[in-house]
C-alpha atoms as a PDB file:
ATOM      1  CA  UNK A   1     106.040 103.962  87.264  1.00  0.00           C
ATOM      2  CA  UNK A   2     106.029 100.280  86.521  1.00  0.00           C
ATOM      3  CA  UNK A   3     105.250  98.846  83.146  1.00  0.00           C
ATOM      4  CA  UNK A   4     103.395  95.654  82.308  1.00  0.00           C
ATOM      5  CA  UNK A   5     104.797  93.533  79.511  1.00  0.00           C
ATOM      6  CA  UNK A   6     101.779  94.105  77.249  1.00  0.00           C
ATOM      7  CA  UNK A   7     101.631  97.903  77.398  1.00  0.00           C
ATOM      8  CA  UNK A   8     103.939 100.454  75.886  1.00  0.00           C
ATOM      9  CA  UNK A   9     103.398 103.229  78.422  1.00  0.00           C
ATOM     10  CA  UNK A  10     106.500 104.360  80.267  1.00  0.00           C
ATOM     11  CA  UNK A  11     105.585 107.717  81.773  1.00  0.00           C
ATOM     12  CA  UNK A  12     102.896 109.437  83.798  1.00  0.00           C
ATOM     13  CA  UNK A  13     101.952 111.416  80.705  1.00  0.00           C
ATOM     14  CA  UNK A  14     101.477 108.207  78.738  1.00  0.00           C
ATOM     15  CA  UNK A  15      99.500 106.493  81.496  1.00  0.00           C
ATOM     16  CA  UNK A  16      97.176 109.487  81.864  1.00  0.00           C
ATOM     17  CA  UNK A  17      96.707 109.832  78.100  1.00  0.00           C
ATOM     18  CA  UNK A  18      95.906 106.112  77.838  1.00  0.00           C
ATOM     19  CA  UNK A  19      93.399 106.347  80.697  1.00  0.00           C
ATOM     20  CA  UNK A  20      95.230 103.675  82.661  1.00  0.00           C
ATOM     21  CA  UNK A  21      94.694 103.274  86.404  1.00  0.00           C
ATOM     22  CA  UNK A  22      97.769 104.121  88.467  1.00  0.00           C
ATOM     23  CA  UNK A  23      98.298 102.651  91.946  1.00  0.00           C
ATOM     24  CA  UNK A  24      99.664 105.137  94.434  1.00  0.00           C
ATOM     25  CA  UNK A  25     100.105 105.418  98.175  1.00  0.00           C
ATOM     26  CA  UNK A  26      97.404 107.475  99.913  1.00  0.00           C
ATOM     27  CA  UNK A  27     100.054 109.592 101.645  1.00  0.00           C
ATOM     28  CA  UNK A  28     100.620 111.399  98.330  1.00  0.00           C
ATOM     29  CA  UNK A  29      96.988 111.499  97.185  1.00  0.00           C
ATOM     30  CA  UNK A  30      96.545 115.262  97.379  1.00  0.00           C
ATOM     31  CA  UNK A  31      99.843 116.011  95.648  1.00  0.00           C
ATOM     32  CA  UNK A  32      99.180 113.549  92.827  1.00  0.00           C
ATOM     33  CA  UNK A  33      95.624 114.693  92.250  1.00  0.00           C
ATOM     34  CA  UNK A  34      96.788 118.315  92.039  1.00  0.00           C
ATOM     35  CA  UNK A  35      99.688 117.490  89.722  1.00  0.00           C
ATOM     36  CA  UNK A  36      97.689 115.045  87.565  1.00  0.00           C
ATOM     37  CA  UNK A  37      94.014 116.089  87.693  1.00  0.00           C
ATOM     38  CA  UNK A  38      93.081 113.955  84.686  1.00  0.00           C
ATOM     39  CA  UNK A  39      94.766 110.795  85.997  1.00  0.00           C
ATOM     40  CA  UNK A  40      92.835 107.771  87.173  1.00  0.00           C
ATOM     41  CA  UNK A  41      94.418 106.762  90.497  1.00  0.00           C
ATOM     42  CA  UNK A  42      93.769 103.845  92.811  1.00  0.00           C
ATOM     43  CA  UNK A  43      94.644 104.717  96.403  1.00  0.00           C
ATOM     44  CA  UNK A  44      94.517 102.011  99.050  1.00  0.00           C
ATOM     45  CA  UNK A  45      95.623 101.846 102.656  1.00  0.00           C
ATOM     46  CA  UNK A  46      98.045  99.042 101.803  1.00  0.00           C
ATOM     47  CA  UNK A  47     101.785  99.468 101.592  1.00  0.00           C
ATOM     48  CA  UNK A  48     104.046  99.285  98.545  1.00  0.00           C
ATOM     49  CA  UNK A  49     104.004  95.480  98.722  1.00  0.00           C
ATOM     50  CA  UNK A  50     100.207  95.557  98.453  1.00  0.00           C
ATOM     51  CA  UNK A  51     100.474  97.743  95.366  1.00  0.00           C
ATOM     52  CA  UNK A  52     102.480  95.005  93.649  1.00  0.00           C
ATOM     53  CA  UNK A  53      99.613  92.631  94.341  1.00  0.00           C
ATOM     54  CA  UNK A  54      97.161  95.113  92.799  1.00  0.00           C
ATOM     55  CA  UNK A  55      99.301  95.175  89.667  1.00  0.00           C
ATOM     56  CA  UNK A  56      99.329  91.367  89.593  1.00  0.00           C
ATOM     57  CA  UNK A  57      95.539  91.303  90.034  1.00  0.00           C
ATOM     58  CA  UNK A  58      95.028  93.776  87.199  1.00  0.00           C
ATOM     59  CA  UNK A  59      93.510  96.447  89.440  1.00  0.00           C
ATOM     60  CA  UNK A  60      96.081  98.906  88.175  1.00  0.00           C
ATOM     61  CA  UNK A  61      98.752  98.111  85.606  1.00  0.00           C
ATOM     62  CA  UNK A  62     101.015 100.946  86.758  1.00  0.00           C
ATOM     63  CA  UNK A  63     102.425 102.249  90.032  1.00  0.00           C
ATOM     64  CA  UNK A  64     103.601 105.689  91.038  1.00  0.00           C
ATOM     65  CA  UNK A  65     106.336 104.981  93.588  1.00  0.00           C
ATOM     66  CA  UNK A  66     109.190 107.198  94.687  1.00  0.00           C
ATOM     67  CA  UNK A  67     112.700 105.774  94.700  1.00  0.00           C
ATOM     68  CA  UNK A  68     113.361 107.221  98.139  1.00  0.00           C
ATOM     69  CA  UNK A  69     110.321 105.399  99.550  1.00  0.00           C
ATOM     70  CA  UNK A  70     111.488 101.931  98.588  1.00  0.00           C
ATOM     71  CA  UNK A  71     115.237 101.951  97.949  1.00  0.00           C
ATOM     72  CA  UNK A  72     116.071 100.467 101.369  1.00  0.00           C
ATOM     73  CA  UNK A  73     113.421  97.719 101.194  1.00  0.00           C
ATOM     74  CA  UNK A  74     115.340  94.773  99.745  1.00  0.00           C
ATOM     75  CA  UNK A  75     112.300  92.474  99.855  1.00  0.00           C
ATOM     76  CA  UNK A  76     110.254  94.946  97.821  1.00  0.00           C
ATOM     77  CA  UNK A  77     113.073  95.460  95.331  1.00  0.00           C
ATOM     78  CA  UNK A  78     113.418  91.691  94.913  1.00  0.00           C
ATOM     79  CA  UNK A  79     109.678  91.459  94.193  1.00  0.00           C
ATOM     80  CA  UNK A  80     110.052  94.143  91.520  1.00  0.00           C
ATOM     81  CA  UNK A  81     112.872  92.178  89.908  1.00  0.00           C
ATOM     82  CA  UNK A  82     110.702  89.041  89.868  1.00  0.00           C
ATOM     83  CA  UNK A  83     108.257  90.812  87.612  1.00  0.00           C
END
């Protein structure tokens, strides 16, 4: 879960309670909707790089991204560090 500089939410529980939109990859849509039925998700066909753009655009201030999905993508990790 990423955190914008103006919000104090640092967990899925906090994001759901605050009613914040969470960007997530559509490959995990069913699992996330079962685990977090009250969450407001934004699923798009884009990749993890696209999700960073959605955060920048304000579409969703948070991302649900697994470490194992992105740990080997040095370009993506560098983009995270830029934020």
